[in-house]
Amino acid sequence: MLSLLLSWCIQTAVAFLATIAFSIIFHTPKKQWIFTGITGGAGWLCYLICIHFHSGVTAASFFAAVVLTLLSRCFSIHRKEPVTVFLICGIFPIVPGAGIYYTGYHFFMSQNTLALDKGLETIKIAIAIALGVGIVLSLPRFFFTLERRTRP
């Protein structure tokens, strides 16, 4: 159990640092780097936890997208930045880049069955991420603010 937690901590730290590196490449404001890293790290940690409880990569990607989009919305309101500053950088760790690569690899190696399997899995993951982001972005703003307006 301790080795599992250590593995999760290391992977989350790597996702945190990779997200910050991606933020630097995308010219995110310097004062937002830590928050983009938190967003990416939290999304990846959610993904790892879901995978551990055997939810499958598609469901894990969906829940990770929901978590990182929730964080992105909260950070965007409280840090007064557009939500895309945190969302685009934070989504980096869960994007199925390897799936796209292996789909193309199997396709060009004439392994059509493997290419189809990997391609369909990649499309399912991409749709799950899009649904997770879309659901959270469609929520009204008052869910993400601490201040509540009182009627006079």
Protein backbone atom coordinates (compact mmCIF):
# COMPACT_ATOMS: atom_id res chain seq x y z
CA MET A 1 0.00 0.00 0.00
CA LEU A 2 2.86 2.36 0.82
CA SER A 3 4.50 1.72 -2.54
CA LEU A 4 1.19 2.49 -4.28
CA LEU A 5 0.88 5.83 -2.46
CA LEU A 6 4.51 6.64 -3.23
CA SER A 7 3.91 5.84 -6.90
CA TRP A 8 0.83 8.09 -6.94
CA CYS A 9 2.78 10.92 -5.29
CA ILE A 10 5.62 10.63 -7.79
CA GLN A 11 3.27 10.47 -10.77
CA THR A 12 1.25 13.44 -9.47
CA ALA A 13 4.44 15.45 -8.96
CA VAL A 14 5.58 14.63 -12.49
CA ALA A 15 2.16 15.65 -13.88
CA PHE A 16 2.39 18.87 -11.83
CA LEU A 17 5.82 19.71 -13.25
CA ALA A 18 4.90 18.66 -16.81
CA THR A 19 1.84 20.89 -16.67
CA ILE A 20 3.96 23.82 -15.53
CA ALA A 21 6.39 23.14 -18.39
CA PHE A 22 3.46 23.09 -20.80
CA SER A 23 2.28 26.39 -19.26
CA ILE A 24 5.65 27.96 -19.94
CA ILE A 25 5.55 26.81 -23.57
CA PHE A 26 2.04 28.28 -23.95
CA HIS A 27 3.14 31.63 -22.44
CA THR A 28 0.80 31.41 -19.48
CA PRO A 29 1.30 34.31 -17.06
CA LYS A 30 4.09 33.46 -14.63
CA LYS A 31 1.92 34.06 -11.55
CA GLN A 32 -0.48 31.29 -12.72
CA TRP A 33 2.09 28.52 -13.21
CA ILE A 34 1.55 26.93 -9.79
CA PHE A 35 -2.22 26.90 -10.28
CA THR A 36 -1.99 25.30 -13.72
CA GLY A 37 0.31 22.69 -12.17
CA ILE A 38 -2.20 22.02 -9.40
CA THR A 39 -4.92 21.60 -12.00
CA GLY A 40 -2.91 19.10 -14.05
CA GLY A 41 -1.70 17.22 -10.99
CA ALA A 42 -5.19 16.94 -9.51
CA GLY A 43 -6.60 15.69 -12.81
CA TRP A 44 -3.89 13.03 -13.06
CA LEU A 45 -4.34 11.97 -9.42
CA CYS A 46 -8.08 11.55 -10.02
CA TYR A 47 -7.26 9.46 -13.10
CA LEU A 48 -4.93 7.22 -11.06
CA ILE A 49 -7.47 6.73 -8.29
CA CYS A 50 -10.20 5.80 -10.79
CA ILE A 51 -7.89 3.34 -12.55
CA HIS A 52 -7.01 1.79 -9.19
CA PHE A 53 -10.68 1.12 -8.49
CA HIS A 54 -11.08 -0.58 -11.90
CA SER A 55 -13.28 2.01 -13.55
CA GLY A 56 -11.59 1.74 -16.97
CA VAL A 57 -9.63 4.36 -18.86
CA THR A 58 -12.69 6.01 -20.41
CA ALA A 59 -14.47 6.58 -17.10
CA ALA A 60 -11.21 7.59 -15.43
CA SER A 61 -10.60 10.17 -18.16
CA PHE A 62 -14.15 11.51 -17.72
CA PHE A 63 -13.81 11.95 -13.96
CA ALA A 64 -10.34 13.45 -14.30
CA ALA A 65 -11.71 15.94 -16.84
CA VAL A 66 -14.52 16.86 -14.44
CA VAL A 67 -12.09 17.42 -11.56
CA LEU A 68 -9.64 19.52 -13.54
CA THR A 69 -12.41 21.56 -15.13
CA LEU A 70 -13.92 22.24 -11.70
CA LEU A 71 -10.53 23.43 -10.49
CA SER A 72 -10.05 25.50 -13.64
CA ARG A 73 -13.40 27.23 -13.12
CA CYS A 74 -12.60 27.95 -9.46
CA PHE A 75 -9.12 29.24 -10.24
CA SER A 76 -10.36 31.36 -13.12
CA ILE A 77 -12.89 33.14 -10.94
CA HIS A 78 -10.66 33.62 -7.92
CA ARG A 79 -7.47 34.43 -9.87
CA LYS A 80 -9.37 36.62 -12.38
CA GLU A 81 -8.04 34.86 -15.46
CA PRO A 82 -9.86 33.13 -18.34
CA VAL A 83 -10.76 29.51 -17.65
CA THR A 84 -8.70 28.41 -20.67
CA VAL A 85 -5.47 29.48 -18.93
CA PHE A 86 -5.94 26.66 -16.44
CA LEU A 87 -7.96 24.23 -18.53
CA ILE A 88 -5.77 23.97 -21.64
CA CYS A 89 -2.61 23.48 -19.61
CA GLY A 90 -4.24 21.27 -16.97
CA ILE A 91 -5.73 18.86 -19.47
CA PHE A 92 -2.28 18.03 -20.86
CA PRO A 93 -1.62 14.94 -18.65
CA ILE A 94 -4.86 13.14 -19.55
CA VAL A 95 -4.89 13.72 -23.32
CA PRO A 96 -4.60 10.31 -25.06
CA GLY A 97 -1.51 11.12 -27.13
CA ALA A 98 -0.08 7.61 -26.83
CA GLY A 99 -3.36 6.17 -28.07
CA ILE A 100 -3.20 8.33 -31.17
CA TYR A 101 0.42 7.32 -31.74
CA TYR A 102 -0.25 3.59 -31.38
CA THR A 103 -3.31 3.81 -33.63
CA GLY A 104 -1.14 5.25 -36.38
CA TYR A 105 1.67 2.81 -35.65
CA HIS A 106 -0.55 -0.27 -35.92
CA PHE A 107 -2.23 1.17 -39.01
CA PHE A 108 1.07 1.64 -40.83
CA MET A 109 2.31 -1.77 -39.73
CA SER A 110 -0.83 -3.30 -41.33
CA GLN A 111 -2.14 -4.52 -37.99
CA ASN A 112 -5.66 -3.33 -38.73
CA THR A 113 -7.37 -5.06 -35.81
CA LEU A 114 -5.00 -3.53 -33.28
CA ALA A 115 -5.28 -0.14 -34.98
CA LEU A 116 -9.08 -0.28 -34.84
CA ASP A 117 -9.08 -1.33 -31.17
CA LYS A 118 -6.67 1.40 -30.13
CA GLY A 119 -8.39 3.99 -32.33
CA LEU A 120 -11.83 3.29 -30.86
CA GLU A 121 -10.44 3.43 -27.31
CA THR A 122 -8.77 6.75 -28.09
CA ILE A 123 -11.99 8.19 -29.54
CA LYS A 124 -13.94 7.05 -26.46
CA ILE A 125 -11.39 8.74 -24.20
CA ALA A 126 -11.53 11.96 -26.23
CA ILE A 127 -15.32 12.00 -26.09
CA ALA A 128 -15.26 11.33 -22.34
CA ILE A 129 -12.88 14.26 -21.81
CA ALA A 130 -15.04 16.52 -23.97
CA LEU A 131 -18.18 15.53 -22.04
CA GLY A 132 -16.49 16.10 -18.68
CA VAL A 133 -15.31 19.55 -19.73
CA GLY A 134 -18.65 20.43 -21.33
CA ILE A 135 -20.72 19.42 -18.32
CA VAL A 136 -18.69 21.51 -15.88
CA LEU A 137 -18.43 24.52 -18.19
CA SER A 138 -22.21 24.54 -18.58
CA LEU A 139 -22.75 24.99 -14.83
CA PRO A 140 -23.73 28.51 -13.73
CA ARG A 141 -21.02 30.76 -12.30
CA PHE A 142 -22.55 30.96 -8.80
CA PHE A 143 -21.51 27.35 -8.13
CA PHE A 144 -17.88 28.48 -8.15
CA THR A 145 -17.97 31.66 -6.09
CA LEU A 146 -17.84 31.91 -2.33
CA GLU A 147 -19.82 35.12 -2.17
CA ARG A 148 -23.57 34.79 -2.10
CA ARG A 149 -25.76 37.67 -3.02
CA THR A 150 -28.43 38.51 -0.51
CA ARG A 151 -31.66 40.13 -1.52
CA PRO A 152 -32.41 43.51 0.07
